[in-house]
PDB file of N, CA and C in Angstrom:
ATOM      1  N   MET A   1       0.841  -1.172   0.000  1.00  0.00           N
ATOM      2  CA  MET A   1       0.000   0.000   0.000  1.00  0.00           C
ATOM      3  C   MET A   1       0.891   1.242   0.000  1.00  0.00           C
ATOM      4  N   THR A   2       0.530   2.194  -0.839  1.00  0.00           N
ATOM      5  CA  THR A   2       1.244   3.461  -0.905  1.00  0.00           C
ATOM      6  C   THR A   2       0.343   4.564  -0.366  1.00  0.00           C
ATOM      7  N   VAL A   3       0.892   5.415   0.508  1.00  0.00           N
ATOM      8  CA  VAL A   3       0.136   6.521   1.079  1.00  0.00           C
ATOM      9  C   VAL A   3       0.895   7.804   0.812  1.00  0.00           C
ATOM     10  N   LYS A   4       0.202   8.769   0.233  1.00  0.00           N
ATOM     11  CA  LYS A   4       0.804  10.070  -0.057  1.00  0.00           C
ATOM     12  C   LYS A   4      -0.116  11.167   0.444  1.00  0.00           C
ATOM     13  N   VAL A   5       0.476  12.299   0.787  1.00  0.00           N
ATOM     14  CA  VAL A   5      -0.289  13.497   1.119  1.00  0.00           C
ATOM     15  C   VAL A   5      -0.022  14.482  -0.007  1.00  0.00           C
ATOM     16  N   ASN A   6      -1.082  14.884  -0.712  1.00  0.00           N
ATOM     17  CA  ASN A   6      -0.883  15.775  -1.849  1.00  0.00           C
ATOM     18  C   ASN A   6      -0.849  17.251  -1.432  1.00  0.00           C
ATOM     19  N   ASP A   7      -0.661  18.116  -2.404  1.00  0.00           N
ATOM     20  CA  ASP A   7      -0.468  19.544  -2.147  1.00  0.00           C
ATOM     21  C   ASP A   7      -1.698  20.267  -1.600  1.00  0.00           C
ATOM     22  N   SER A   8      -2.851  19.611  -1.594  1.00  0.00           N
ATOM     23  CA  SER A   8      -4.043  20.275  -1.071  1.00  0.00           C
ATOM     24  C   SER A   8      -4.128  20.231   0.452  1.00  0.00           C
ATOM     25  N   CYS A   9      -3.173  19.572   1.106  1.00  0.00           N
ATOM     26  CA  CYS A   9      -3.160  19.482   2.576  1.00  0.00           C
ATOM     27  C   CYS A   9      -3.160  20.869   3.192  1.00  0.00           C
ATOM     28  N   ILE A  10      -4.074  21.078   4.176  1.00  0.00           N
ATOM     29  CA  ILE A  10      -4.169  22.365   4.866  1.00  0.00           C
ATOM     30  C   ILE A  10      -3.593  22.303   6.278  1.00  0.00           C
ATOM     31  N   GLY A  11      -3.053  21.143   6.657  1.00  0.00           N
ATOM     32  CA  GLY A  11      -2.414  21.001   7.966  1.00  0.00           C
ATOM     33  C   GLY A  11      -3.375  21.051   9.132  1.00  0.00           C
ATOM     34  N   CYS A  12      -4.600  20.582   8.942  1.00  0.00           N
ATOM     35  CA  CYS A  12      -5.623  20.676   9.990  1.00  0.00           C
ATOM     36  C   CYS A  12      -5.396  19.709  11.149  1.00  0.00           C
ATOM     37  N   GLY A  13      -4.690  18.610  10.902  1.00  0.00           N
ATOM     38  CA  GLY A  13      -4.387  17.652  11.957  1.00  0.00           C
ATOM     39  C   GLY A  13      -5.384  16.521  12.120  1.00  0.00           C
ATOM     40  N   ALA A  14      -6.405  16.472  11.274  1.00  0.00           N
ATOM     41  CA  ALA A  14      -7.402  15.396  11.391  1.00  0.00           C
ATOM     42  C   ALA A  14      -6.748  14.031  11.236  1.00  0.00           C
ATOM     43  N   CYS A  15      -5.854  13.890  10.270  1.00  0.00           N
ATOM     44  CA  CYS A  15      -5.209  12.595  10.041  1.00  0.00           C
ATOM     45  C   CYS A  15      -4.375  12.165  11.240  1.00  0.00           C
ATOM     46  N   GLU A  16      -3.665  13.106  11.820  1.00  0.00           N
ATOM     47  CA  GLU A  16      -2.829  12.782  12.976  1.00  0.00           C
ATOM     48  C   GLU A  16      -3.684  12.383  14.178  1.00  0.00           C
ATOM     49  N   SER A  17      -4.841  13.020  14.362  1.00  0.00           N
ATOM     50  CA  SER A  17      -5.691  12.658  15.492  1.00  0.00           C
ATOM     51  C   SER A  17      -6.309  11.275  15.309  1.00  0.00           C
ATOM     52  N   VAL A  18      -6.545  10.864  14.058  1.00  0.00           N
ATOM     53  CA  VAL A  18      -7.113   9.547  13.780  1.00  0.00           C
ATOM     54  C   VAL A  18      -6.034   8.467  13.756  1.00  0.00           C
ATOM     55  N   CYS A  19      -4.862   8.796  13.224  1.00  0.00           N
ATOM     56  CA  CYS A  19      -3.820   7.790  13.001  1.00  0.00           C
ATOM     57  C   CYS A  19      -2.433   8.397  13.237  1.00  0.00           C
ATOM     58  N   GLY A  20      -2.167   8.740  14.461  1.00  0.00           N
ATOM     59  CA  GLY A  20      -0.908   9.386  14.824  1.00  0.00           C
ATOM     60  C   GLY A  20       0.324   8.515  14.640  1.00  0.00           C
ATOM     61  N   GLU A  21       0.114   7.210  14.518  1.00  0.00           N
ATOM     62  CA  GLU A  21       1.240   6.307  14.280  1.00  0.00           C
ATOM     63  C   GLU A  21       1.840   6.527  12.898  1.00  0.00           C
ATOM     64  N   VAL A  22       1.013   6.990  11.953  1.00  0.00           N
ATOM     65  CA  VAL A  22       1.445   7.144  10.570  1.00  0.00           C
ATOM     66  C   VAL A  22       1.599   8.609  10.170  1.00  0.00           C
ATOM     67  N   PHE A  23       0.695   9.475  10.623  1.00  0.00           N
ATOM     68  CA  PHE A  23       0.694  10.876  10.179  1.00  0.00           C
ATOM     69  C   PHE A  23       1.189  11.817  11.265  1.00  0.00           C
ATOM     70  N   LYS A  24       2.005  12.776  10.855  1.00  0.00           N
ATOM     71  CA  LYS A  24       2.452  13.861  11.724  1.00  0.00           C
ATOM     72  C   LYS A  24       2.196  15.165  10.979  1.00  0.00           C
ATOM     73  N   VAL A  25       1.723  16.171  11.694  1.00  0.00           N
ATOM     74  CA  VAL A  25       1.415  17.444  11.053  1.00  0.00           C
ATOM     75  C   VAL A  25       2.229  18.542  11.705  1.00  0.00           C
ATOM     76  N   GLU A  26       2.975  19.262  10.883  1.00  0.00           N
ATOM     77  CA  GLU A  26       3.605  20.506  11.311  1.00  0.00           C
ATOM     78  C   GLU A  26       2.950  21.580  10.456  1.00  0.00           C
ATOM     79  N   ASP A  27       3.541  21.963   9.353  1.00  0.00           N
ATOM     80  CA  ASP A  27       2.846  22.871   8.437  1.00  0.00           C
ATOM     81  C   ASP A  27       1.885  22.077   7.564  1.00  0.00           C
ATOM     82  N   VAL A  28       2.315  20.902   7.160  1.00  0.00           N
ATOM     83  CA  VAL A  28       1.497  19.966   6.388  1.00  0.00           C
ATOM     84  C   VAL A  28       1.740  18.568   6.936  1.00  0.00           C
ATOM     85  N   ALA A  29       0.897  17.636   6.550  1.00  0.00           N
ATOM     86  CA  ALA A  29       1.034  16.262   7.030  1.00  0.00           C
ATOM     87  C   ALA A  29       2.171  15.541   6.321  1.00  0.00           C
ATOM     88  N   THR A  30       2.844  14.684   7.071  1.00  0.00           N
ATOM     89  CA  THR A  30       3.859  13.800   6.511  1.00  0.00           C
ATOM     90  C   THR A  30       3.482  12.366   6.888  1.00  0.00           C
ATOM     91  N   VAL A  31       4.012  11.414   6.128  1.00  0.00           N
ATOM     92  CA  VAL A  31       3.682  10.001   6.316  1.00  0.00           C
ATOM     93  C   VAL A  31       4.905   9.242   6.798  1.00  0.00           C
ATOM     94  N   ASN A  32       4.739   8.487   7.883  1.00  0.00           N
ATOM     95  CA  ASN A  32       5.768   7.566   8.356  1.00  0.00           C
ATOM     96  C   ASN A  32       5.536   6.256   7.606  1.00  0.00           C
ATOM     97  N   GLU A  33       6.201   6.106   6.464  1.00  0.00           N
ATOM     98  CA  GLU A  33       5.939   4.970   5.578  1.00  0.00           C
ATOM     99  C   GLU A  33       6.209   3.626   6.239  1.00  0.00           C
ATOM    100  N   SER A  34       7.128   3.577   7.171  1.00  0.00           N
ATOM    101  CA  SER A  34       7.442   2.300   7.822  1.00  0.00           C
ATOM    102  C   SER A  34       6.311   1.822   8.732  1.00  0.00           C
ATOM    103  N   ALA A  35       5.381   2.709   9.089  1.00  0.00           N
ATOM    104  CA  ALA A  35       4.273   2.339   9.976  1.00  0.00           C
ATOM    105  C   ALA A  35       2.978   2.030   9.228  1.00  0.00           C
ATOM    106  N   VAL A  36       2.951   2.247   7.927  1.00  0.00           N
ATOM    107  CA  VAL A  36       1.717   2.079   7.152  1.00  0.00           C
ATOM    108  C   VAL A  36       1.193   0.640   7.207  1.00  0.00           C
ATOM    109  N   ALA A  37       2.031  -0.331   6.955  1.00  0.00           N
ATOM    110  CA  ALA A  37       1.594  -1.730   6.865  1.00  0.00           C
ATOM    111  C   ALA A  37       0.909  -2.219   8.139  1.00  0.00           C
ATOM    112  N   ASP A  38       1.363  -1.755   9.284  1.00  0.00           N
ATOM    113  CA  ASP A  38       0.784  -2.190  10.554  1.00  0.00           C
ATOM    114  C   ASP A  38      -0.449  -1.390  10.960  1.00  0.00           C
ATOM    115  N   ASN A  39      -0.784  -0.362  10.195  1.00  0.00           N
ATOM    116  CA  ASN A  39      -1.878   0.539  10.579  1.00  0.00           C
ATOM    117  C   ASN A  39      -2.831   0.843   9.424  1.00  0.00           C
ATOM    118  N   ILE A  40      -3.080  -0.153   8.579  1.00  0.00           N
ATOM    119  CA  ILE A  40      -3.875   0.062   7.376  1.00  0.00           C
ATOM    120  C   ILE A  40      -5.275   0.589   7.692  1.00  0.00           C
ATOM    121  N   ASP A  41      -5.914   0.042   8.706  1.00  0.00           N
ATOM    122  CA  ASP A  41      -7.275   0.480   9.019  1.00  0.00           C
ATOM    123  C   ASP A  41      -7.335   1.949   9.408  1.00  0.00           C
ATOM    124  N   CYS A  42      -6.414   2.392  10.263  1.00  0.00           N
ATOM    125  CA  CYS A  42      -6.474   3.798  10.666  1.00  0.00           C
ATOM    126  C   CYS A  42      -6.002   4.725   9.546  1.00  0.00           C
ATOM    127  N   VAL A  43      -5.160   4.252   8.641  1.00  0.00           N
ATOM    128  CA  VAL A  43      -4.773   5.045   7.474  1.00  0.00           C
ATOM    129  C   VAL A  43      -6.015   5.334   6.626  1.00  0.00           C
ATOM    130  N   LYS A  44      -6.827   4.298   6.412  1.00  0.00           N
ATOM    131  CA  LYS A  44      -8.049   4.480   5.624  1.00  0.00           C
ATOM    132  C   LYS A  44      -9.023   5.416   6.333  1.00  0.00           C
ATOM    133  N   GLU A  45      -9.124   5.300   7.651  1.00  0.00           N
ATOM    134  CA  GLU A  45      -9.984   6.201   8.421  1.00  0.00           C
ATOM    135  C   GLU A  45      -9.490   7.640   8.305  1.00  0.00           C
ATOM    136  N   ALA A  46      -8.179   7.825   8.369  1.00  0.00           N
ATOM    137  CA  ALA A  46      -7.607   9.163   8.256  1.00  0.00           C
ATOM    138  C   ALA A  46      -7.874   9.756   6.882  1.00  0.00           C
ATOM    139  N   ALA A  47      -7.766   8.941   5.849  1.00  0.00           N
ATOM    140  CA  ALA A  47      -8.052   9.415   4.493  1.00  0.00           C
ATOM    141  C   ALA A  47      -9.506   9.865   4.394  1.00  0.00           C
ATOM    142  N   ASP A  48     -10.410   9.107   4.996  1.00  0.00           N
ATOM    143  CA  ASP A  48     -11.826   9.476   4.987  1.00  0.00           C
ATOM    144  C   ASP A  48     -12.095  10.735   5.801  1.00  0.00           C
ATOM    145  N   ALA A  49     -11.306  10.942   6.861  1.00  0.00           N
ATOM    146  CA  ALA A  49     -11.511  12.094   7.735  1.00  0.00           C
ATOM    147  C   ALA A  49     -10.928  13.385   7.180  1.00  0.00           C
ATOM    148  N   CYS A  50     -10.055  13.286   6.195  1.00  0.00           N
ATOM    149  CA  CYS A  50      -9.408  14.477   5.643  1.00  0.00           C
ATOM    150  C   CYS A  50     -10.449  15.375   4.966  1.00  0.00           C
ATOM    151  N   PRO A  51     -10.587  16.625   5.426  1.00  0.00           N
ATOM    152  CA  PRO A  51     -11.633  17.504   4.873  1.00  0.00           C
ATOM    153  C   PRO A  51     -11.376  17.960   3.442  1.00  0.00           C
ATOM    154  N   VAL A  52     -10.138  17.856   2.972  1.00  0.00           N
ATOM    155  CA  VAL A  52      -9.830  18.296   1.612  1.00  0.00           C
ATOM    156  C   VAL A  52      -9.377  17.156   0.700  1.00  0.00           C
ATOM    157  N   GLY A  53      -9.456  15.922   1.194  1.00  0.00           N
ATOM    158  CA  GLY A  53      -9.100  14.764   0.382  1.00  0.00           C
ATOM    159  C   GLY A  53      -7.636  14.715  -0.020  1.00  0.00           C
ATOM    160  N   ALA A  54      -6.757  15.184   0.873  1.00  0.00           N
ATOM    161  CA  ALA A  54      -5.340  15.266   0.549  1.00  0.00           C
ATOM    162  C   ALA A  54      -4.597  13.944   0.675  1.00  0.00           C
ATOM    163  N   ILE A  55      -5.186  12.953   1.331  1.00  0.00           N
ATOM    164  CA  ILE A  55      -4.503  11.675   1.540  1.00  0.00           C
ATOM    165  C   ILE A  55      -4.884  10.716   0.431  1.00  0.00           C
ATOM    166  N   GLU A  56      -3.861  10.257  -0.290  1.00  0.00           N
ATOM    167  CA  GLU A  56      -4.062   9.324  -1.400  1.00  0.00           C
ATOM    168  C   GLU A  56      -3.566   7.955  -0.971  1.00  0.00           C
ATOM    169  N   VAL A  57      -4.465   6.975  -0.998  1.00  0.00           N
ATOM    170  CA  VAL A  57      -4.135   5.608  -0.613  1.00  0.00           C
ATOM    171  C   VAL A  57      -4.293   4.717  -1.837  1.00  0.00           C
ATOM    172  N   GLU A  58      -3.218   4.033  -2.194  1.00  0.00           N
ATOM    173  CA  GLU A  58      -3.256   3.147  -3.367  1.00  0.00           C
ATOM    174  C   GLU A  58      -2.790   1.762  -2.981  1.00  0.00           C
TER     175      GLU A  58
END
């Protein structure tokens, strides 16, 4: 699974609050790729929670 945060990220922190193991937000969200495989369910929840659809899960 590949997880990316695209340029539409507004840094709101929704992804980090849902899945802090994978997402960290400073100015924009970043992905801890090494944690994705163990946290697939919360990654999908975070993508759904993103208000601007900035999280791309493939």
